[in-house]
Amino acid sequence: MTQIRRIGLILFSLATALVAGCSSMTACEKSTAAGAAIGGVAGNVLTEGSTVGTVGGAVAGGVVGNRQRGC
């Protein structure tokens, strides 16, 4: 599977999960989850699939997402 297809599949899966599973979440929890998802994908792409890069990106994105909207 090419890198572009894998990224597209990951983004689609994350978007579906966020829409379906976040109805009872607070705005702060939604921002944290979205930041972690975006950061994980960005970390994966920037480090060419490195697990450490993916996890690091997810952690950084979660922290940034948690700081939004006055959480």
N, C-alpha and C. Protein backbone atom coordinates (compact mmCIF):
# COMPACT_ATOMS: atom_id res chain seq x y z
N MET A 1 0.85 -1.17 0.00
CA MET A 1 0.00 0.00 0.00
C MET A 1 0.90 1.24 0.00
N THR A 2 0.58 2.17 -0.83
CA THR A 2 1.41 3.36 -0.91
C THR A 2 1.21 4.24 0.32
N GLN A 3 2.16 5.11 0.55
CA GLN A 3 2.12 6.00 1.70
C GLN A 3 0.88 6.90 1.66
N ILE A 4 0.55 7.42 0.49
CA ILE A 4 -0.61 8.32 0.35
C ILE A 4 -1.90 7.59 0.69
N ARG A 5 -2.05 6.36 0.21
CA ARG A 5 -3.27 5.60 0.51
C ARG A 5 -3.36 5.29 2.00
N ARG A 6 -2.24 4.94 2.59
CA ARG A 6 -2.25 4.63 4.02
C ARG A 6 -2.66 5.85 4.83
N ILE A 7 -2.12 7.00 4.48
CA ILE A 7 -2.46 8.23 5.20
C ILE A 7 -3.94 8.56 5.01
N GLY A 8 -4.43 8.41 3.79
CA GLY A 8 -5.85 8.66 3.53
C GLY A 8 -6.75 7.75 4.33
N LEU A 9 -6.38 6.47 4.41
CA LEU A 9 -7.16 5.51 5.17
C LEU A 9 -7.14 5.84 6.66
N ILE A 10 -5.98 6.23 7.16
CA ILE A 10 -5.87 6.60 8.57
C ILE A 10 -6.72 7.83 8.87
N LEU A 11 -6.63 8.84 8.02
CA LEU A 11 -7.42 10.07 8.24
C LEU A 11 -8.92 9.79 8.18
N PHE A 12 -9.33 8.96 7.22
CA PHE A 12 -10.75 8.62 7.11
C PHE A 12 -11.21 7.87 8.36
N SER A 13 -10.41 6.92 8.81
CA SER A 13 -10.78 6.14 10.00
C SER A 13 -10.87 7.03 11.24
N LEU A 14 -9.92 7.93 11.38
CA LEU A 14 -9.95 8.83 12.53
C LEU A 14 -11.14 9.78 12.49
N ALA A 15 -11.43 10.29 11.32
CA ALA A 15 -12.58 11.20 11.19
C ALA A 15 -13.88 10.47 11.53
N THR A 16 -14.01 9.24 11.05
CA THR A 16 -15.20 8.45 11.33
C THR A 16 -15.32 8.18 12.83
N ALA A 17 -14.22 7.81 13.45
CA ALA A 17 -14.25 7.54 14.89
C ALA A 17 -14.57 8.78 15.70
N LEU A 18 -14.03 9.91 15.29
CA LEU A 18 -14.31 11.15 16.01
C LEU A 18 -15.78 11.55 15.91
N VAL A 19 -16.35 11.38 14.74
CA VAL A 19 -17.75 11.75 14.55
C VAL A 19 -18.66 10.78 15.30
N ALA A 20 -18.36 9.50 15.26
CA ALA A 20 -19.23 8.49 15.85
C ALA A 20 -19.10 8.40 17.37
N GLY A 21 -17.90 8.55 17.88
CA GLY A 21 -17.69 8.26 19.28
C GLY A 21 -17.55 9.45 20.21
N CYS A 22 -17.75 10.64 19.74
CA CYS A 22 -17.45 11.81 20.56
C CYS A 22 -18.68 12.61 20.98
N SER A 23 -19.84 12.03 20.87
CA SER A 23 -21.04 12.81 21.17
C SER A 23 -21.14 13.19 22.64
N SER A 24 -20.58 12.38 23.53
CA SER A 24 -20.68 12.69 24.95
C SER A 24 -19.42 13.34 25.51
N MET A 25 -18.46 13.66 24.65
CA MET A 25 -17.21 14.26 25.11
C MET A 25 -17.35 15.77 25.26
N THR A 26 -16.58 16.32 26.19
CA THR A 26 -16.55 17.77 26.35
C THR A 26 -15.71 18.38 25.22
N ALA A 27 -15.80 19.69 25.08
CA ALA A 27 -15.02 20.38 24.04
C ALA A 27 -13.53 20.19 24.28
N CYS A 28 -13.11 20.17 25.52
CA CYS A 28 -11.69 19.98 25.85
C CYS A 28 -11.22 18.59 25.44
N GLU A 29 -12.04 17.57 25.72
CA GLU A 29 -11.68 16.20 25.34
C GLU A 29 -11.64 16.03 23.83
N LYS A 30 -12.57 16.68 23.12
CA LYS A 30 -12.57 16.61 21.66
C LYS A 30 -11.33 17.28 21.08
N SER A 31 -10.95 18.43 21.62
CA SER A 31 -9.76 19.12 21.14
C SER A 31 -8.50 18.30 21.38
N THR A 32 -8.43 17.65 22.53
CA THR A 32 -7.27 16.81 22.85
C THR A 32 -7.19 15.62 21.90
N ALA A 33 -8.32 14.96 21.67
CA ALA A 33 -8.35 13.80 20.77
C ALA A 33 -8.00 14.20 19.34
N ALA A 34 -8.56 15.31 18.88
CA ALA A 34 -8.26 15.76 17.52
C ALA A 34 -6.79 16.14 17.39
N GLY A 35 -6.24 16.81 18.39
CA GLY A 35 -4.82 17.17 18.35
C GLY A 35 -3.93 15.94 18.32
N ALA A 36 -4.28 14.93 19.11
CA ALA A 36 -3.49 13.70 19.14
C ALA A 36 -3.56 12.97 17.80
N ALA A 37 -4.74 12.94 17.21
CA ALA A 37 -4.90 12.28 15.91
C ALA A 37 -4.10 12.99 14.82
N ILE A 38 -4.23 14.28 14.77
CA ILE A 38 -3.51 15.06 13.75
C ILE A 38 -2.01 14.98 13.99
N GLY A 39 -1.60 15.10 15.24
CA GLY A 39 -0.18 15.01 15.57
C GLY A 39 0.41 13.64 15.25
N GLY A 40 -0.36 12.59 15.50
CA GLY A 40 0.11 11.25 15.17
C GLY A 40 0.31 11.04 13.69
N VAL A 41 -0.63 11.51 12.90
CA VAL A 41 -0.50 11.40 11.44
C VAL A 41 0.68 12.25 10.96
N ALA A 42 0.79 13.45 11.48
CA ALA A 42 1.91 14.32 11.07
C ALA A 42 3.24 13.71 11.46
N GLY A 43 3.34 13.17 12.68
CA GLY A 43 4.57 12.53 13.12
C GLY A 43 4.93 11.33 12.27
N ASN A 44 3.92 10.56 11.87
CA ASN A 44 4.15 9.40 11.01
C ASN A 44 4.69 9.82 9.66
N VAL A 45 4.09 10.83 9.08
CA VAL A 45 4.51 11.29 7.76
C VAL A 45 5.90 11.91 7.80
N LEU A 46 6.14 12.74 8.78
CA LEU A 46 7.42 13.44 8.86
C LEU A 46 8.59 12.51 9.16
N THR A 47 8.35 11.41 9.87
CA THR A 47 9.43 10.49 10.20
C THR A 47 9.39 9.23 9.34
N GLU A 48 8.59 9.27 8.29
CA GLU A 48 8.49 8.17 7.33
C GLU A 48 8.12 6.85 7.99
N GLY A 49 7.12 6.89 8.87
CA GLY A 49 6.58 5.68 9.46
C GLY A 49 7.22 5.24 10.76
N SER A 50 8.07 6.03 11.33
CA SER A 50 8.72 5.67 12.59
C SER A 50 7.69 5.63 13.73
N THR A 51 7.74 4.58 14.52
CA THR A 51 6.82 4.45 15.66
C THR A 51 7.06 5.56 16.67
N VAL A 52 8.31 5.84 16.94
CA VAL A 52 8.64 6.90 17.89
C VAL A 52 8.13 8.25 17.39
N GLY A 53 8.27 8.52 16.11
CA GLY A 53 7.77 9.77 15.54
C GLY A 53 6.26 9.87 15.61
N THR A 54 5.57 8.74 15.37
CA THR A 54 4.11 8.73 15.44
C THR A 54 3.62 8.99 16.85
N VAL A 55 4.20 8.28 17.81
CA VAL A 55 3.79 8.45 19.20
C VAL A 55 4.16 9.86 19.70
N GLY A 56 5.35 10.31 19.35
CA GLY A 56 5.76 11.66 19.74
C GLY A 56 4.84 12.73 19.16
N GLY A 57 4.46 12.56 17.90
CA GLY A 57 3.53 13.51 17.28
C GLY A 57 2.17 13.49 17.94
N ALA A 58 1.70 12.29 18.32
CA ALA A 58 0.40 12.18 18.98
C ALA A 58 0.43 12.83 20.36
N VAL A 59 1.51 12.63 21.08
CA VAL A 59 1.63 13.26 22.41
C VAL A 59 1.67 14.77 22.28
N ALA A 60 2.51 15.26 21.38
CA ALA A 60 2.61 16.71 21.19
C ALA A 60 1.28 17.31 20.73
N GLY A 61 0.62 16.62 19.80
CA GLY A 61 -0.68 17.11 19.32
C GLY A 61 -1.73 17.10 20.40
N GLY A 62 -1.71 16.07 21.25
CA GLY A 62 -2.66 16.02 22.37
C GLY A 62 -2.45 17.15 23.35
N VAL A 63 -1.20 17.47 23.62
CA VAL A 63 -0.90 18.58 24.54
C VAL A 63 -1.37 19.90 23.94
N VAL A 64 -1.08 20.10 22.66
CA VAL A 64 -1.51 21.34 22.01
C VAL A 64 -3.05 21.42 21.97
N GLY A 65 -3.69 20.31 21.63
CA GLY A 65 -5.15 20.28 21.60
C GLY A 65 -5.76 20.54 22.96
N ASN A 66 -5.10 20.07 24.00
CA ASN A 66 -5.61 20.28 25.36
C ASN A 66 -5.50 21.71 25.80
N ARG A 67 -4.59 22.46 25.22
CA ARG A 67 -4.39 23.87 25.58
C ARG A 67 -5.35 24.80 24.84
N GLN A 68 -6.13 24.29 23.93
CA GLN A 68 -7.05 25.12 23.15
C GLN A 68 -8.36 25.32 23.90
N ARG A 69 -9.06 26.36 23.57
CA ARG A 69 -10.40 26.64 24.08
C ARG A 69 -10.48 26.70 25.61
N GLY A 70 -9.42 27.13 26.23
CA GLY A 70 -9.45 27.34 27.67
C GLY A 70 -9.60 26.07 28.50
N CYS A 71 -9.05 24.98 28.04
CA CYS A 71 -9.14 23.72 28.80
C CYS A 71 -8.33 23.80 30.07
